[in-house]
PDB file of N, CA and C in Angstrom:
ATOM      1  N   UNK A   1      34.012  32.703 -14.307  1.00  0.00           N
ATOM      2  CA  UNK A   1      34.204  31.669 -15.469  1.00  0.00           C
ATOM      3  C   UNK A   1      33.110  31.377 -16.285  1.00  0.00           C
ATOM      4  N   UNK A   2      32.805  31.115 -17.250  1.00  0.00           N
ATOM      5  CA  UNK A   2      32.012  30.941 -18.539  1.00  0.00           C
ATOM      6  C   UNK A   2      31.540  29.757 -19.104  1.00  0.00           C
ATOM      7  N   UNK A   3      30.377  28.732 -18.854  1.00  0.00           N
ATOM      8  CA  UNK A   3      30.447  27.663 -19.544  1.00  0.00           C
ATOM      9  C   UNK A   3      29.055  27.663 -20.350  1.00  0.00           C
ATOM     10  N   UNK A   4      29.503  27.055 -21.407  1.00  0.00           N
ATOM     11  CA  UNK A   4      28.718  26.888 -22.766  1.00  0.00           C
ATOM     12  C   UNK A   4      28.250  25.558 -23.036  1.00  0.00           C
ATOM     13  N   UNK A   5      26.649  25.094 -22.551  1.00  0.00           N
ATOM     14  CA  UNK A   5      26.335  24.452 -22.585  1.00  0.00           C
ATOM     15  C   UNK A   5      25.418  24.267 -24.605  1.00  0.00           C
ATOM     16  N   UNK A   6      25.564  22.675 -24.845  1.00  0.00           N
ATOM     17  CA  UNK A   6      24.958  22.998 -25.704  1.00  0.00           C
ATOM     18  C   UNK A   6      23.541  21.802 -25.610  1.00  0.00           C
ATOM     19  N   UNK A   7      22.669  22.658 -26.128  1.00  0.00           N
ATOM     20  CA  UNK A   7      21.523  21.067 -25.692  1.00  0.00           C
ATOM     21  C   UNK A   7      20.992  21.303 -26.660  1.00  0.00           C
ATOM     22  N   UNK A   8      20.627  20.156 -27.025  1.00  0.00           N
ATOM     23  CA  UNK A   8      19.768  19.804 -28.017  1.00  0.00           C
ATOM     24  C   UNK A   8      18.471  20.306 -28.146  1.00  0.00           C
ATOM     25  N   UNK A   9      17.560  20.852 -28.936  1.00  0.00           N
ATOM     26  CA  UNK A   9      16.499  21.771 -28.275  1.00  0.00           C
ATOM     27  C   UNK A   9      15.376  21.329 -29.631  1.00  0.00           C
ATOM     28  N   UNK A  10      14.386  20.862 -29.674  1.00  0.00           N
ATOM     29  CA  UNK A  10      12.817  20.526 -30.689  1.00  0.00           C
ATOM     30  C   UNK A  10      12.285  21.191 -30.022  1.00  0.00           C
ATOM     31  N   UNK A  11      11.550  20.797 -31.141  1.00  0.00           N
ATOM     32  CA  UNK A  11       9.587  21.416 -30.830  1.00  0.00           C
ATOM     33  C   UNK A  11       8.797  20.482 -30.507  1.00  0.00           C
ATOM     34  N   UNK A  12       7.573  20.725 -29.875  1.00  0.00           N
ATOM     35  CA  UNK A  12       6.812  19.867 -29.610  1.00  0.00           C
ATOM     36  C   UNK A  12       6.284  18.423 -30.608  1.00  0.00           C
ATOM     37  N   UNK A  13       6.355  19.561 -31.873  1.00  0.00           N
ATOM     38  CA  UNK A  13       5.840  18.951 -32.894  1.00  0.00           C
ATOM     39  C   UNK A  13       6.911  17.609 -33.333  1.00  0.00           C
ATOM     40  N   UNK A  14       7.734  18.122 -33.053  1.00  0.00           N
ATOM     41  CA  UNK A  14       8.755  17.460 -33.379  1.00  0.00           C
ATOM     42  C   UNK A  14       9.369  16.069 -33.036  1.00  0.00           C
ATOM     43  N   UNK A  15       8.650  16.056 -31.563  1.00  0.00           N
ATOM     44  CA  UNK A  15       8.551  14.799 -30.365  1.00  0.00           C
ATOM     45  C   UNK A  15       7.496  14.370 -30.237  1.00  0.00           C
ATOM     46  N   UNK A  16       6.547  14.785 -31.169  1.00  0.00           N
ATOM     47  CA  UNK A  16       5.414  13.871 -30.925  1.00  0.00           C
ATOM     48  C   UNK A  16       5.143  13.370 -32.532  1.00  0.00           C
ATOM     49  N   UNK A  17       6.202  13.752 -33.529  1.00  0.00           N
ATOM     50  CA  UNK A  17       5.929  13.055 -35.322  1.00  0.00           C
ATOM     51  C   UNK A  17       7.731  12.107 -34.762  1.00  0.00           C
ATOM     52  N   UNK A  18       8.529  11.711 -33.239  1.00  0.00           N
ATOM     53  CA  UNK A  18       9.910  10.945 -33.499  1.00  0.00           C
ATOM     54  C   UNK A  18       9.981  11.120 -32.291  1.00  0.00           C
ATOM     55  N   UNK A  19       8.721  10.328 -31.715  1.00  0.00           N
ATOM     56  CA  UNK A  19       9.157   9.837 -29.943  1.00  0.00           C
ATOM     57  C   UNK A  19       9.970   9.292 -29.245  1.00  0.00           C
ATOM     58  N   UNK A  20       9.615   8.097 -30.594  1.00  0.00           N
ATOM     59  CA  UNK A  20      10.958   7.286 -29.942  1.00  0.00           C
ATOM     60  C   UNK A  20      11.998   7.422 -30.278  1.00  0.00           C
ATOM     61  N   UNK A  21      12.065   8.128 -31.895  1.00  0.00           N
ATOM     62  CA  UNK A  21      13.611   8.315 -31.838  1.00  0.00           C
ATOM     63  C   UNK A  21      14.453   8.951 -31.126  1.00  0.00           C
ATOM     64  N   UNK A  22      14.004  10.103 -30.274  1.00  0.00           N
ATOM     65  CA  UNK A  22      13.855  11.371 -29.445  1.00  0.00           C
ATOM     66  C   UNK A  22      14.459  10.619 -28.146  1.00  0.00           C
ATOM     67  N   UNK A  23      13.713   9.593 -27.752  1.00  0.00           N
ATOM     68  CA  UNK A  23      13.786   8.947 -26.254  1.00  0.00           C
ATOM     69  C   UNK A  23      14.905   8.337 -26.259  1.00  0.00           C
ATOM     70  N   UNK A  24      15.382   7.537 -27.693  1.00  0.00           N
ATOM     71  CA  UNK A  24      16.378   6.801 -27.369  1.00  0.00           C
ATOM     72  C   UNK A  24      17.911   7.696 -28.064  1.00  0.00           C
ATOM     73  N   UNK A  25      17.705   9.452 -28.347  1.00  0.00           N
ATOM     74  CA  UNK A  25      18.699   9.888 -28.783  1.00  0.00           C
ATOM     75  C   UNK A  25      19.505  10.532 -27.251  1.00  0.00           C
ATOM     76  N   UNK A  26      18.257  10.568 -26.509  1.00  0.00           N
ATOM     77  CA  UNK A  26      18.424  11.571 -24.835  1.00  0.00           C
ATOM     78  C   UNK A  26      19.521  10.655 -24.393  1.00  0.00           C
ATOM     79  N   UNK A  27      20.385   9.683 -24.856  1.00  0.00           N
ATOM     80  CA  UNK A  27      21.087   8.730 -24.143  1.00  0.00           C
ATOM     81  C   UNK A  27      22.560   9.518 -24.595  1.00  0.00           C
ATOM     82  N   UNK A  28      22.589   9.840 -26.112  1.00  0.00           N
ATOM     83  CA  UNK A  28      23.685  10.502 -26.814  1.00  0.00           C
ATOM     84  C   UNK A  28      23.612  12.062 -26.299  1.00  0.00           C
ATOM     85  N   UNK A  29      22.560  12.688 -26.450  1.00  0.00           N
ATOM     86  CA  UNK A  29      22.387  14.147 -25.907  1.00  0.00           C
ATOM     87  C   UNK A  29      22.426  14.519 -24.771  1.00  0.00           C
ATOM     88  N   UNK A  30      22.069  13.692 -23.954  1.00  0.00           N
ATOM     89  CA  UNK A  30      22.518  14.226 -22.582  1.00  0.00           C
ATOM     90  C   UNK A  30      21.300  14.795 -21.670  1.00  0.00           C
ATOM     91  N   UNK A  31      20.438  15.507 -22.377  1.00  0.00           N
ATOM     92  CA  UNK A  31      19.134  16.813 -22.219  1.00  0.00           C
ATOM     93  C   UNK A  31      18.488  17.050 -23.398  1.00  0.00           C
ATOM     94  N   UNK A  32      17.503  17.058 -24.131  1.00  0.00           N
ATOM     95  CA  UNK A  32      16.837  17.830 -25.477  1.00  0.00           C
ATOM     96  C   UNK A  32      15.437  18.224 -24.551  1.00  0.00           C
ATOM     97  N   UNK A  33      15.931  19.782 -24.714  1.00  0.00           N
ATOM     98  CA  UNK A  33      14.613  20.882 -24.564  1.00  0.00           C
ATOM     99  C   UNK A  33      13.565  20.437 -24.881  1.00  0.00           C
ATOM    100  N   UNK A  34      12.087  20.395 -25.014  1.00  0.00           N
ATOM    101  CA  UNK A  34      11.107  20.776 -25.925  1.00  0.00           C
ATOM    102  C   UNK A  34      11.194  22.293 -25.694  1.00  0.00           C
ATOM    103  N   UNK A  35      10.405  22.317 -27.151  1.00  0.00           N
ATOM    104  CA  UNK A  35      10.066  23.964 -27.286  1.00  0.00           C
ATOM    105  C   UNK A  35       8.812  24.588 -27.285  1.00  0.00           C
ATOM    106  N   UNK A  36       7.897  25.301 -27.302  1.00  0.00           N
ATOM    107  CA  UNK A  36       6.898  26.138 -27.604  1.00  0.00           C
ATOM    108  C   UNK A  36       6.591  26.790 -28.606  1.00  0.00           C
ATOM    109  N   UNK A  37       6.800  27.740 -29.318  1.00  0.00           N
ATOM    110  CA  UNK A  37       6.252  28.493 -29.816  1.00  0.00           C
ATOM    111  C   UNK A  37       7.326  29.305 -29.889  1.00  0.00           C
ATOM    112  N   UNK A  38       9.591  28.642 -29.173  1.00  0.00           N
ATOM    113  CA  UNK A  38      10.435  29.172 -29.391  1.00  0.00           C
ATOM    114  C   UNK A  38      10.267  28.882 -27.132  1.00  0.00           C
ATOM    115  N   UNK A  39       9.778  29.018 -26.390  1.00  0.00           N
ATOM    116  CA  UNK A  39       9.672  28.559 -25.313  1.00  0.00           C
ATOM    117  C   UNK A  39      10.175  27.835 -24.832  1.00  0.00           C
ATOM    118  N   UNK A  40      11.086  27.813 -23.938  1.00  0.00           N
ATOM    119  CA  UNK A  40      11.425  25.884 -23.581  1.00  0.00           C
ATOM    120  C   UNK A  40      10.349  25.484 -22.330  1.00  0.00           C
ATOM    121  N   UNK A  41       9.885  24.131 -22.776  1.00  0.00           N
ATOM    122  CA  UNK A  41       8.481  24.148 -21.620  1.00  0.00           C
ATOM    123  C   UNK A  41       8.924  22.664 -20.308  1.00  0.00           C
ATOM    124  N   UNK A  42       9.899  21.604 -21.349  1.00  0.00           N
ATOM    125  CA  UNK A  42      10.592  20.204 -20.858  1.00  0.00           C
ATOM    126  C   UNK A  42      11.609  20.214 -20.818  1.00  0.00           C
ATOM    127  N   UNK A  43      11.839  19.042 -20.218  1.00  0.00           N
ATOM    128  CA  UNK A  43      13.494  18.376 -20.615  1.00  0.00           C
ATOM    129  C   UNK A  43      13.716  17.158 -20.743  1.00  0.00           C
ATOM    130  N   UNK A  44      13.835  16.476 -21.138  1.00  0.00           N
ATOM    131  CA  UNK A  44      14.424  14.667 -21.638  1.00  0.00           C
ATOM    132  C   UNK A  44      15.368  14.797 -21.117  1.00  0.00           C
ATOM    133  N   UNK A  45      15.718  14.034 -20.276  1.00  0.00           N
ATOM    134  CA  UNK A  45      17.039  13.634 -19.799  1.00  0.00           C
ATOM    135  C   UNK A  45      17.120  12.027 -19.516  1.00  0.00           C
ATOM    136  N   UNK A  46      18.381  11.363 -19.581  1.00  0.00           N
ATOM    137  CA  UNK A  46      18.510  10.393 -19.599  1.00  0.00           C
ATOM    138  C   UNK A  46      18.162   9.253 -18.121  1.00  0.00           C
ATOM    139  N   UNK A  47      17.801   8.348 -18.043  1.00  0.00           N
ATOM    140  CA  UNK A  47      17.958   7.869 -16.213  1.00  0.00           C
ATOM    141  C   UNK A  47      19.095   7.778 -15.840  1.00  0.00           C
ATOM    142  N   UNK A  48      19.327   7.786 -14.208  1.00  0.00           N
ATOM    143  CA  UNK A  48      19.924   7.598 -14.004  1.00  0.00           C
ATOM    144  C   UNK A  48      19.803   6.402 -13.026  1.00  0.00           C
ATOM    145  N   UNK A  49      20.586   5.509 -12.626  1.00  0.00           N
ATOM    146  CA  UNK A  49      20.700   4.541 -11.969  1.00  0.00           C
ATOM    147  C   UNK A  49      19.946   4.635 -10.377  1.00  0.00           C
ATOM    148  N   UNK A  50      20.598   5.790  -9.683  1.00  0.00           N
ATOM    149  CA  UNK A  50      20.824   6.487  -8.482  1.00  0.00           C
ATOM    150  C   UNK A  50      18.851   7.378  -8.506  1.00  0.00           C
ATOM    151  N   UNK A  51      18.793   7.573  -9.596  1.00  0.00           N
ATOM    152  CA  UNK A  51      17.286   8.459  -9.538  1.00  0.00           C
ATOM    153  C   UNK A  51      16.211   7.534  -9.210  1.00  0.00           C
ATOM    154  N   UNK A  52      16.395   5.932  -9.273  1.00  0.00           N
ATOM    155  CA  UNK A  52      14.850   5.412  -8.659  1.00  0.00           C
ATOM    156  C   UNK A  52      15.143   4.945  -6.992  1.00  0.00           C
ATOM    157  N   UNK A  53      16.760   5.485  -6.361  1.00  0.00           N
ATOM    158  CA  UNK A  53      16.100   5.442  -5.391  1.00  0.00           C
ATOM    159  C   UNK A  53      15.307   7.122  -4.323  1.00  0.00           C
ATOM    160  N   UNK A  54      14.255   5.949  -3.421  1.00  0.00           N
ATOM    161  CA  UNK A  54      12.864   6.863  -3.420  1.00  0.00           C
ATOM    162  C   UNK A  54      13.032   7.176  -1.491  1.00  0.00           C
ATOM    163  N   UNK A  55      12.180   8.273  -1.453  1.00  0.00           N
ATOM    164  CA  UNK A  55      13.279   8.723  -0.285  1.00  0.00           C
ATOM    165  C   UNK A  55      12.334   7.681   1.001  1.00  0.00           C
ATOM    166  N   UNK A  56      11.835   6.853   0.613  1.00  0.00           N
ATOM    167  CA  UNK A  56      10.913   5.738   1.405  1.00  0.00           C
ATOM    168  C   UNK A  56      12.216   5.101   2.051  1.00  0.00           C
ATOM    169  N   UNK A  57      13.293   4.471   0.991  1.00  0.00           N
ATOM    170  CA  UNK A  57      14.156   3.306   1.741  1.00  0.00           C
ATOM    171  C   UNK A  57      14.898   4.567   2.531  1.00  0.00           C
ATOM    172  N   UNK A  58      15.257   5.723   3.143  1.00  0.00           N
ATOM    173  CA  UNK A  58      15.849   6.269   3.792  1.00  0.00           C
ATOM    174  C   UNK A  58      15.095   6.502   4.794  1.00  0.00           C
ATOM    175  N   UNK A  59      13.492   6.078   4.925  1.00  0.00           N
ATOM    176  CA  UNK A  59      12.532   6.931   6.279  1.00  0.00           C
ATOM    177  C   UNK A  59      12.695   6.287   7.230  1.00  0.00           C
ATOM    178  N   UNK A  60      12.546   6.707   8.662  1.00  0.00           N
ATOM    179  CA  UNK A  60      12.070   6.485   9.989  1.00  0.00           C
ATOM    180  C   UNK A  60      10.954   5.922  10.102  1.00  0.00           C
ATOM    181  N   UNK A  61      10.740   4.763  10.827  1.00  0.00           N
ATOM    182  CA  UNK A  61       9.845   4.446  11.326  1.00  0.00           C
ATOM    183  C   UNK A  61       9.129   5.219  12.945  1.00  0.00           C
ATOM    184  N   UNK A  62       8.542   6.035  12.780  1.00  0.00           N
ATOM    185  CA  UNK A  62       7.828   6.541  14.280  1.00  0.00           C
ATOM    186  C   UNK A  62       7.111   4.989  14.943  1.00  0.00           C
ATOM    187  N   UNK A  63       7.622   4.976  16.091  1.00  0.00           N
ATOM    188  CA  UNK A  63       7.384   4.495  17.496  1.00  0.00           C
ATOM    189  C   UNK A  63       6.279   3.657  17.337  1.00  0.00           C
ATOM    190  N   UNK A  64       4.917   4.529  16.558  1.00  0.00           N
ATOM    191  CA  UNK A  64       3.823   3.595  17.394  1.00  0.00           C
ATOM    192  C   UNK A  64       3.908   2.757  15.892  1.00  0.00           C
ATOM    193  N   UNK A  65       4.051   3.388  14.613  1.00  0.00           N
ATOM    194  CA  UNK A  65       3.658   2.358  13.810  1.00  0.00           C
ATOM    195  C   UNK A  65       4.403   1.034  13.812  1.00  0.00           C
ATOM    196  N   UNK A  66       6.047   0.784  14.457  1.00  0.00           N
ATOM    197  CA  UNK A  66       6.611  -0.215  14.740  1.00  0.00           C
ATOM    198  C   UNK A  66       5.351  -1.031  15.938  1.00  0.00           C
ATOM    199  N   UNK A  67       4.886  -0.300  16.731  1.00  0.00           N
ATOM    200  CA  UNK A  67       3.929  -1.161  17.267  1.00  0.00           C
ATOM    201  C   UNK A  67       2.741  -1.764  16.748  1.00  0.00           C
ATOM    202  N   UNK A  68       2.790  -1.717  15.676  1.00  0.00           N
ATOM    203  CA  UNK A  68       1.170  -1.860  14.820  1.00  0.00           C
ATOM    204  C   UNK A  68       2.058  -3.980  14.070  1.00  0.00           C
ATOM    205  N   UNK A  69       0.952  -4.219  14.121  1.00  0.00           N
ATOM    206  CA  UNK A  69       1.566  -6.228  13.692  1.00  0.00           C
ATOM    207  C   UNK A  69       1.589  -6.228  12.582  1.00  0.00           C
ATOM    208  N   UNK A  70       2.660  -6.467  11.820  1.00  0.00           N
ATOM    209  CA  UNK A  70       2.792  -6.677  10.834  1.00  0.00           C
ATOM    210  C   UNK A  70       1.596  -7.836   9.975  1.00  0.00           C
ATOM    211  N   UNK A  71       1.762  -7.584   8.634  1.00  0.00           N
ATOM    212  CA  UNK A  71       0.579  -8.086   7.984  1.00  0.00           C
ATOM    213  C   UNK A  71       1.335  -9.054   7.159  1.00  0.00           C
ATOM    214  N   UNK A  72       0.846 -10.666   6.616  1.00  0.00           N
ATOM    215  CA  UNK A  72       1.859 -11.600   6.274  1.00  0.00           C
ATOM    216  C   UNK A  72       0.659 -11.519   4.969  1.00  0.00           C
ATOM    217  N   UNK A  73       1.595 -11.311   3.279  1.00  0.00           N
ATOM    218  CA  UNK A  73       0.679 -11.622   2.646  1.00  0.00           C
ATOM    219  C   UNK A  73       0.040 -10.541   2.003  1.00  0.00           C
ATOM    220  N   UNK A  74      -0.850 -10.771   1.285  1.00  0.00           N
ATOM    221  CA  UNK A  74      -1.403  -9.217   0.596  1.00  0.00           C
ATOM    222  C   UNK A  74      -2.397  -8.583   1.069  1.00  0.00           C
ATOM    223  N   UNK A  75      -1.782  -7.274   0.739  1.00  0.00           N
ATOM    224  CA  UNK A  75      -3.178  -6.330   2.520  1.00  0.00           C
ATOM    225  C   UNK A  75      -3.657  -6.141   1.784  1.00  0.00           C
ATOM    226  N   UNK A  76      -4.192  -6.415   0.468  1.00  0.00           N
ATOM    227  CA  UNK A  76      -5.628  -6.152  -0.320  1.00  0.00           C
ATOM    228  C   UNK A  76      -7.005  -7.105   0.793  1.00  0.00           C
ATOM    229  N   UNK A  77      -6.613  -8.078   0.922  1.00  0.00           N
ATOM    230  CA  UNK A  77      -7.165  -9.346   1.845  1.00  0.00           C
ATOM    231  C   UNK A  77      -7.637  -8.274   3.141  1.00  0.00           C
ATOM    232  N   UNK A  78      -7.175  -8.098   3.566  1.00  0.00           N
ATOM    233  CA  UNK A  78      -7.025  -7.116   5.265  1.00  0.00           C
ATOM    234  C   UNK A  78      -7.963  -6.020   4.832  1.00  0.00           C
ATOM    235  N   UNK A  79      -7.688  -5.299   3.389  1.00  0.00           N
ATOM    236  CA  UNK A  79      -8.389  -4.286   3.166  1.00  0.00           C
ATOM    237  C   UNK A  79      -9.738  -4.217   3.032  1.00  0.00           C
ATOM    238  N   UNK A  80     -10.393  -5.299   2.738  1.00  0.00           N
ATOM    239  CA  UNK A  80     -11.353  -5.927   2.167  1.00  0.00           C
ATOM    240  C   UNK A  80     -12.288  -6.246   3.295  1.00  0.00           C
ATOM    241  N   UNK A  81     -11.722  -7.160   4.340  1.00  0.00           N
ATOM    242  CA  UNK A  81     -12.320  -7.780   4.915  1.00  0.00           C
ATOM    243  C   UNK A  81     -12.707  -6.159   6.002  1.00  0.00           C
ATOM    244  N   UNK A  82     -11.411  -5.740   5.967  1.00  0.00           N
ATOM    245  CA  UNK A  82     -11.983  -4.526   7.030  1.00  0.00           C
ATOM    246  C   UNK A  82     -13.241  -3.570   6.140  1.00  0.00           C
ATOM    247  N   UNK A  83     -13.247  -3.558   5.192  1.00  0.00           N
ATOM    248  CA  UNK A  83     -14.436  -2.440   4.493  1.00  0.00           C
ATOM    249  C   UNK A  83     -15.235  -3.579   4.883  1.00  0.00           C
ATOM    250  N   UNK A  84     -15.293  -4.882   4.524  1.00  0.00           N
ATOM    251  CA  UNK A  84     -17.164  -5.580   5.015  1.00  0.00           C
ATOM    252  C   UNK A  84     -17.231  -5.508   6.403  1.00  0.00           C
ATOM    253  N   UNK A  85     -16.660  -4.962   7.361  1.00  0.00           N
ATOM    254  CA  UNK A  85     -17.151  -4.849   8.870  1.00  0.00           C
ATOM    255  C   UNK A  85     -17.962  -3.889   8.746  1.00  0.00           C
TER     256      UNK A  85
END
């Protein structure tokens, strides 16, 4: 099978001049390739809701960490107190 994929390509200069326009257009274009002297260097792709899922949301905690006391409130207070000891 052969797939023909049409991706919009723009230069770094074009991106620099009209950044906001290109970022908004990526929704319609699906993907925009940025080139530097004709060589692809980066891709702008639209945000997908499932991209926001991090590996931390599915992590399994080690038993040693489960045994630690849980902290209530802002952890910076505990860090500051520990630093002052």
